[in-house]
Amino acid sequence: MNKIALAVLVTLLVVIGINNLGEIVFHEEHLEANAYPIEVEMAAADTGAAVEEEKGPTLAALLATASAADGEKVFKKCKACHTAEEGGKNGTGPNLWGIVGRPKGSHEGFGYSDAMHAKGGNWTYEDLDHFLTKPKDFVPGTKMAFAGLKKPEDRAELIMFLHTLSNNPLPLPAVEEVADQAAGDAAEAVDAAAEAAEAEVH
């Protein structure tokens, strides 16, 4: 009986000793601050830069370097339906002389779709860019069957050519003004990303 009691006592002492040793070796200490602080502002700035990079050059910047001569080559895709000379006849599509700045659906003698009449407003450089990207997306219900021009550079060159089809061309958009607007949009995107990141941290 004495041996059994001694064995039990020794076992208890060993178990207690191991537990105490574990606490000594693996001591848990709570930190007052995070070991790896989250750089919210830097992450937000990177996000804003990525958004700005995805946007690519503005239309104003593309137009500033676009060539009307190259645009005339792109216009060959349009000649099956449109004429470009002053006083030219309408074809499947309307004559495009003076198109930039002209009210939508207004060329005399051409039968526009109800969708084009309903769109309203003048043909600005921006509207032409959107329309040429994919006509049916910009004016759902348009009669124009053209699929669109995917490359921004092709659209800018074509628009530059259309810009010349006038005796009093509409001034091109100023690159500086558009750049300032883009910078403002980027700053707003950075602020929004920073607020979102801060909300996640808290």
Protein backbone atom coordinates (compact mmCIF):
# COMPACT_ATOMS: atom_id res chain seq x y z
CA MET A 1 0.00 0.00 0.00
CA ASN A 2 2.85 2.34 0.84
CA LYS A 3 4.44 1.70 -2.55
CA ILE A 4 1.17 2.37 -4.34
CA ALA A 5 0.61 5.60 -2.42
CA LEU A 6 4.19 6.67 -3.14
CA ALA A 7 3.73 5.93 -6.86
CA VAL A 8 0.53 7.99 -6.99
CA LEU A 9 2.23 10.88 -5.16
CA VAL A 10 5.22 10.82 -7.50
CA THR A 11 2.92 10.77 -10.53
CA LEU A 12 1.01 13.83 -9.25
CA LEU A 13 4.26 15.69 -8.63
CA VAL A 14 5.49 14.90 -12.15
CA VAL A 15 2.21 16.10 -13.74
CA ILE A 16 2.21 19.33 -11.73
CA GLY A 17 5.88 19.92 -12.57
CA ILE A 18 5.26 19.48 -16.32
CA ASN A 19 2.35 21.97 -16.29
CA ASN A 20 4.45 24.58 -14.46
CA LEU A 21 7.35 24.00 -16.84
CA GLY A 22 5.02 24.52 -19.83
CA GLU A 23 3.87 27.86 -18.48
CA ILE A 24 7.45 28.96 -17.95
CA VAL A 25 8.62 27.92 -21.44
CA PHE A 26 5.51 29.07 -23.33
CA HIS A 27 4.74 32.24 -21.41
CA GLU A 28 1.93 34.23 -23.05
CA GLU A 29 2.48 37.96 -23.08
CA HIS A 30 -0.20 40.35 -24.41
CA LEU A 31 1.11 43.13 -26.64
CA GLU A 32 -0.05 46.69 -26.15
CA ALA A 33 0.09 47.34 -29.90
CA ASN A 34 -0.14 45.22 -33.04
CA ALA A 35 3.19 43.67 -34.00
CA TYR A 36 2.42 44.32 -37.65
CA PRO A 37 0.62 47.68 -38.02
CA ILE A 38 -1.64 48.03 -41.06
CA GLU A 39 -0.60 50.84 -43.38
CA VAL A 40 -4.08 52.03 -44.36
CA GLU A 41 -3.00 55.16 -46.23
CA MET A 42 -0.39 53.35 -48.31
CA ALA A 43 -2.83 50.59 -49.24
CA ALA A 44 -5.45 53.17 -50.17
CA ALA A 45 -2.97 55.09 -52.29
CA ASP A 46 -1.94 51.93 -54.11
CA THR A 47 -5.60 51.14 -54.79
CA GLY A 48 -6.17 54.62 -56.23
CA ALA A 49 -3.10 54.30 -58.43
CA ALA A 50 -4.30 50.95 -59.72
CA VAL A 51 -7.73 52.39 -60.56
CA GLU A 52 -6.13 55.33 -62.37
CA GLU A 53 -3.81 53.01 -64.29
CA GLU A 54 -6.72 50.85 -65.47
CA LYS A 55 -8.51 53.89 -66.89
CA GLY A 56 -5.74 54.63 -69.37
CA PRO A 57 -5.28 57.92 -71.28
CA THR A 58 -8.21 60.33 -71.36
CA LEU A 59 -10.04 61.09 -74.60
CA ALA A 60 -8.62 64.63 -74.53
CA ALA A 61 -5.08 63.25 -74.31
CA LEU A 62 -5.73 60.82 -77.16
CA LEU A 63 -7.23 63.56 -79.34
CA ALA A 64 -4.22 65.79 -78.66
CA THR A 65 -1.97 63.26 -80.39
CA ALA A 66 -4.46 61.80 -82.88
CA SER A 67 -4.03 62.22 -86.63
CA ALA A 68 -6.93 63.21 -88.87
CA ALA A 69 -5.15 61.47 -91.76
CA ASP A 70 -5.10 58.22 -89.81
CA GLY A 71 -8.71 58.85 -88.86
CA GLU A 72 -9.64 59.10 -92.53
CA LYS A 73 -8.21 55.60 -92.97
CA VAL A 74 -10.37 54.35 -90.10
CA PHE A 75 -13.34 56.08 -91.74
CA LYS A 76 -13.09 53.59 -94.63
CA LYS A 77 -15.02 51.22 -92.37
CA CYS A 78 -17.86 53.77 -92.35
CA LYS A 79 -18.00 54.61 -96.06
CA ALA A 80 -20.43 51.82 -96.87
CA CYS A 81 -23.12 53.71 -94.95
CA HIS A 82 -21.98 57.33 -94.59
CA THR A 83 -20.73 60.17 -96.77
CA ALA A 84 -18.42 62.82 -95.33
CA GLU A 85 -18.33 65.68 -97.85
CA GLU A 86 -20.30 68.89 -97.34
CA GLY A 87 -23.75 68.54 -98.89
CA GLY A 88 -23.24 64.80 -99.41
CA LYS A 89 -26.20 62.48 -99.75
CA ASN A 90 -27.52 60.30 -96.99
CA GLY A 91 -26.93 56.60 -97.35
CA THR A 92 -27.84 53.81 -94.99
CA GLY A 93 -26.59 56.30 -92.43
CA PRO A 94 -26.76 60.11 -92.42
CA ASN A 95 -24.17 62.38 -94.01
CA LEU A 96 -21.56 63.20 -91.34
CA TRP A 97 -20.45 66.68 -92.41
CA GLY A 98 -20.68 68.87 -89.30
CA ILE A 99 -21.48 65.91 -87.03
CA VAL A 100 -19.40 67.18 -84.09
CA GLY A 101 -21.61 69.51 -82.06
CA ARG A 102 -24.72 68.74 -84.14
CA PRO A 103 -27.95 67.79 -82.34
CA LYS A 104 -28.49 64.03 -82.35
CA GLY A 105 -30.99 62.76 -84.92
CA SER A 106 -31.20 66.10 -86.69
CA HIS A 107 -29.68 65.71 -90.18
CA GLU A 108 -32.25 66.71 -92.75
CA GLY A 109 -33.77 63.96 -94.86
CA PHE A 110 -32.59 60.99 -92.83
CA GLY A 111 -35.00 58.64 -91.05
CA TYR A 112 -33.55 58.21 -87.58
CA SER A 113 -34.73 55.63 -85.07
CA ASP A 114 -37.03 56.69 -82.25
CA ALA A 115 -34.21 55.78 -79.86
CA MET A 116 -31.86 58.28 -81.48
CA HIS A 117 -34.49 61.03 -81.39
CA ALA A 118 -35.13 60.25 -77.73
CA LYS A 119 -31.43 60.37 -76.82
CA GLY A 120 -31.33 64.13 -77.27
CA GLY A 121 -28.44 66.53 -76.81
CA ASN A 122 -25.59 67.38 -79.18
CA TRP A 123 -22.85 65.11 -80.43
CA THR A 124 -20.00 65.97 -78.07
CA TYR A 125 -16.57 64.39 -78.39
CA GLU A 126 -17.33 62.23 -75.36
CA ASP A 127 -20.69 61.07 -76.74
CA LEU A 128 -19.11 60.18 -80.07
CA ASP A 129 -16.46 58.17 -78.24
CA HIS A 130 -19.09 56.25 -76.27
CA PHE A 131 -21.23 55.69 -79.37
CA LEU A 132 -18.31 54.47 -81.48
CA THR A 133 -17.27 52.06 -78.72
CA LYS A 134 -20.55 50.15 -79.07
CA PRO A 135 -23.49 51.98 -80.68
CA LYS A 136 -26.21 49.66 -79.36
CA ASP A 137 -25.01 50.17 -75.78
CA PHE A 138 -25.00 53.97 -76.03
CA VAL A 139 -28.31 54.17 -77.91
CA PRO A 140 -30.30 50.97 -77.31
CA GLY A 141 -32.63 50.55 -80.28
CA THR A 142 -30.44 52.40 -82.79
CA LYS A 143 -30.66 51.33 -86.43
CA MET A 144 -26.89 51.41 -86.72
CA ALA A 145 -25.61 47.85 -87.08
CA PHE A 146 -21.91 48.71 -86.67
CA ALA A 147 -20.31 46.63 -83.90
CA GLY A 148 -18.01 49.44 -82.74
CA LEU A 149 -14.30 50.21 -82.43
CA LYS A 150 -12.61 48.53 -79.48
CA LYS A 151 -9.32 50.46 -79.55
CA PRO A 152 -9.47 53.94 -77.94
CA GLU A 153 -6.75 55.10 -80.32
CA ASP A 154 -8.84 54.15 -83.38
CA ARG A 155 -11.84 56.01 -81.98
CA ALA A 156 -9.75 59.09 -81.23
CA GLU A 157 -8.33 59.15 -84.74
CA LEU A 158 -11.78 58.74 -86.30
CA ILE A 159 -13.19 61.49 -84.08
CA MET A 160 -10.29 63.74 -85.05
CA PHE A 161 -11.20 63.18 -88.71
CA LEU A 162 -14.86 63.94 -87.99
CA HIS A 163 -13.66 67.09 -86.20
CA THR A 164 -12.29 68.35 -89.53
CA LEU A 165 -15.65 67.92 -91.30
CA SER A 166 -16.77 71.45 -90.56
CA ASN A 167 -16.25 75.02 -91.67
CA ASN A 168 -16.14 75.98 -87.97
CA PRO A 169 -14.80 72.98 -86.03
CA LEU A 170 -15.82 72.62 -82.40
CA PRO A 171 -12.80 73.25 -80.11
CA LEU A 172 -11.11 70.11 -78.86
CA PRO A 173 -11.37 69.35 -75.12
CA ALA A 174 -8.47 70.81 -73.12
CA VAL A 175 -6.14 68.17 -71.76
CA GLU A 176 -5.41 70.18 -68.58
CA GLU A 177 -9.07 70.46 -67.62
CA VAL A 178 -9.66 66.76 -68.09
CA ALA A 179 -6.45 65.95 -66.21
CA ASP A 180 -7.61 68.04 -63.25
CA GLN A 181 -10.95 66.23 -63.26
CA ALA A 182 -9.19 62.85 -63.43
CA ALA A 183 -6.95 63.84 -60.52
CA GLY A 184 -10.01 64.83 -58.50
CA ASP A 185 -11.71 61.52 -59.28
CA ALA A 186 -8.54 59.64 -58.27
CA ALA A 187 -8.37 61.55 -54.98
CA GLU A 188 -11.99 60.68 -54.24
CA ALA A 189 -11.27 57.03 -54.99
CA VAL A 190 -8.28 57.08 -52.60
CA ASP A 191 -10.36 58.68 -49.82
CA ALA A 192 -13.13 56.11 -50.30
CA ALA A 193 -10.64 53.24 -50.21
CA ALA A 194 -9.02 54.64 -47.05
CA GLU A 195 -12.40 54.92 -45.31
CA ALA A 196 -13.30 51.36 -46.32
CA ALA A 197 -9.96 50.00 -45.08
CA GLU A 198 -10.27 51.89 -41.79
CA ALA A 199 -13.80 50.52 -41.29
CA GLU A 200 -12.51 46.97 -41.78
CA VAL A 201 -9.72 47.51 -39.23
CA HIS A 202 -12.20 48.73 -36.60
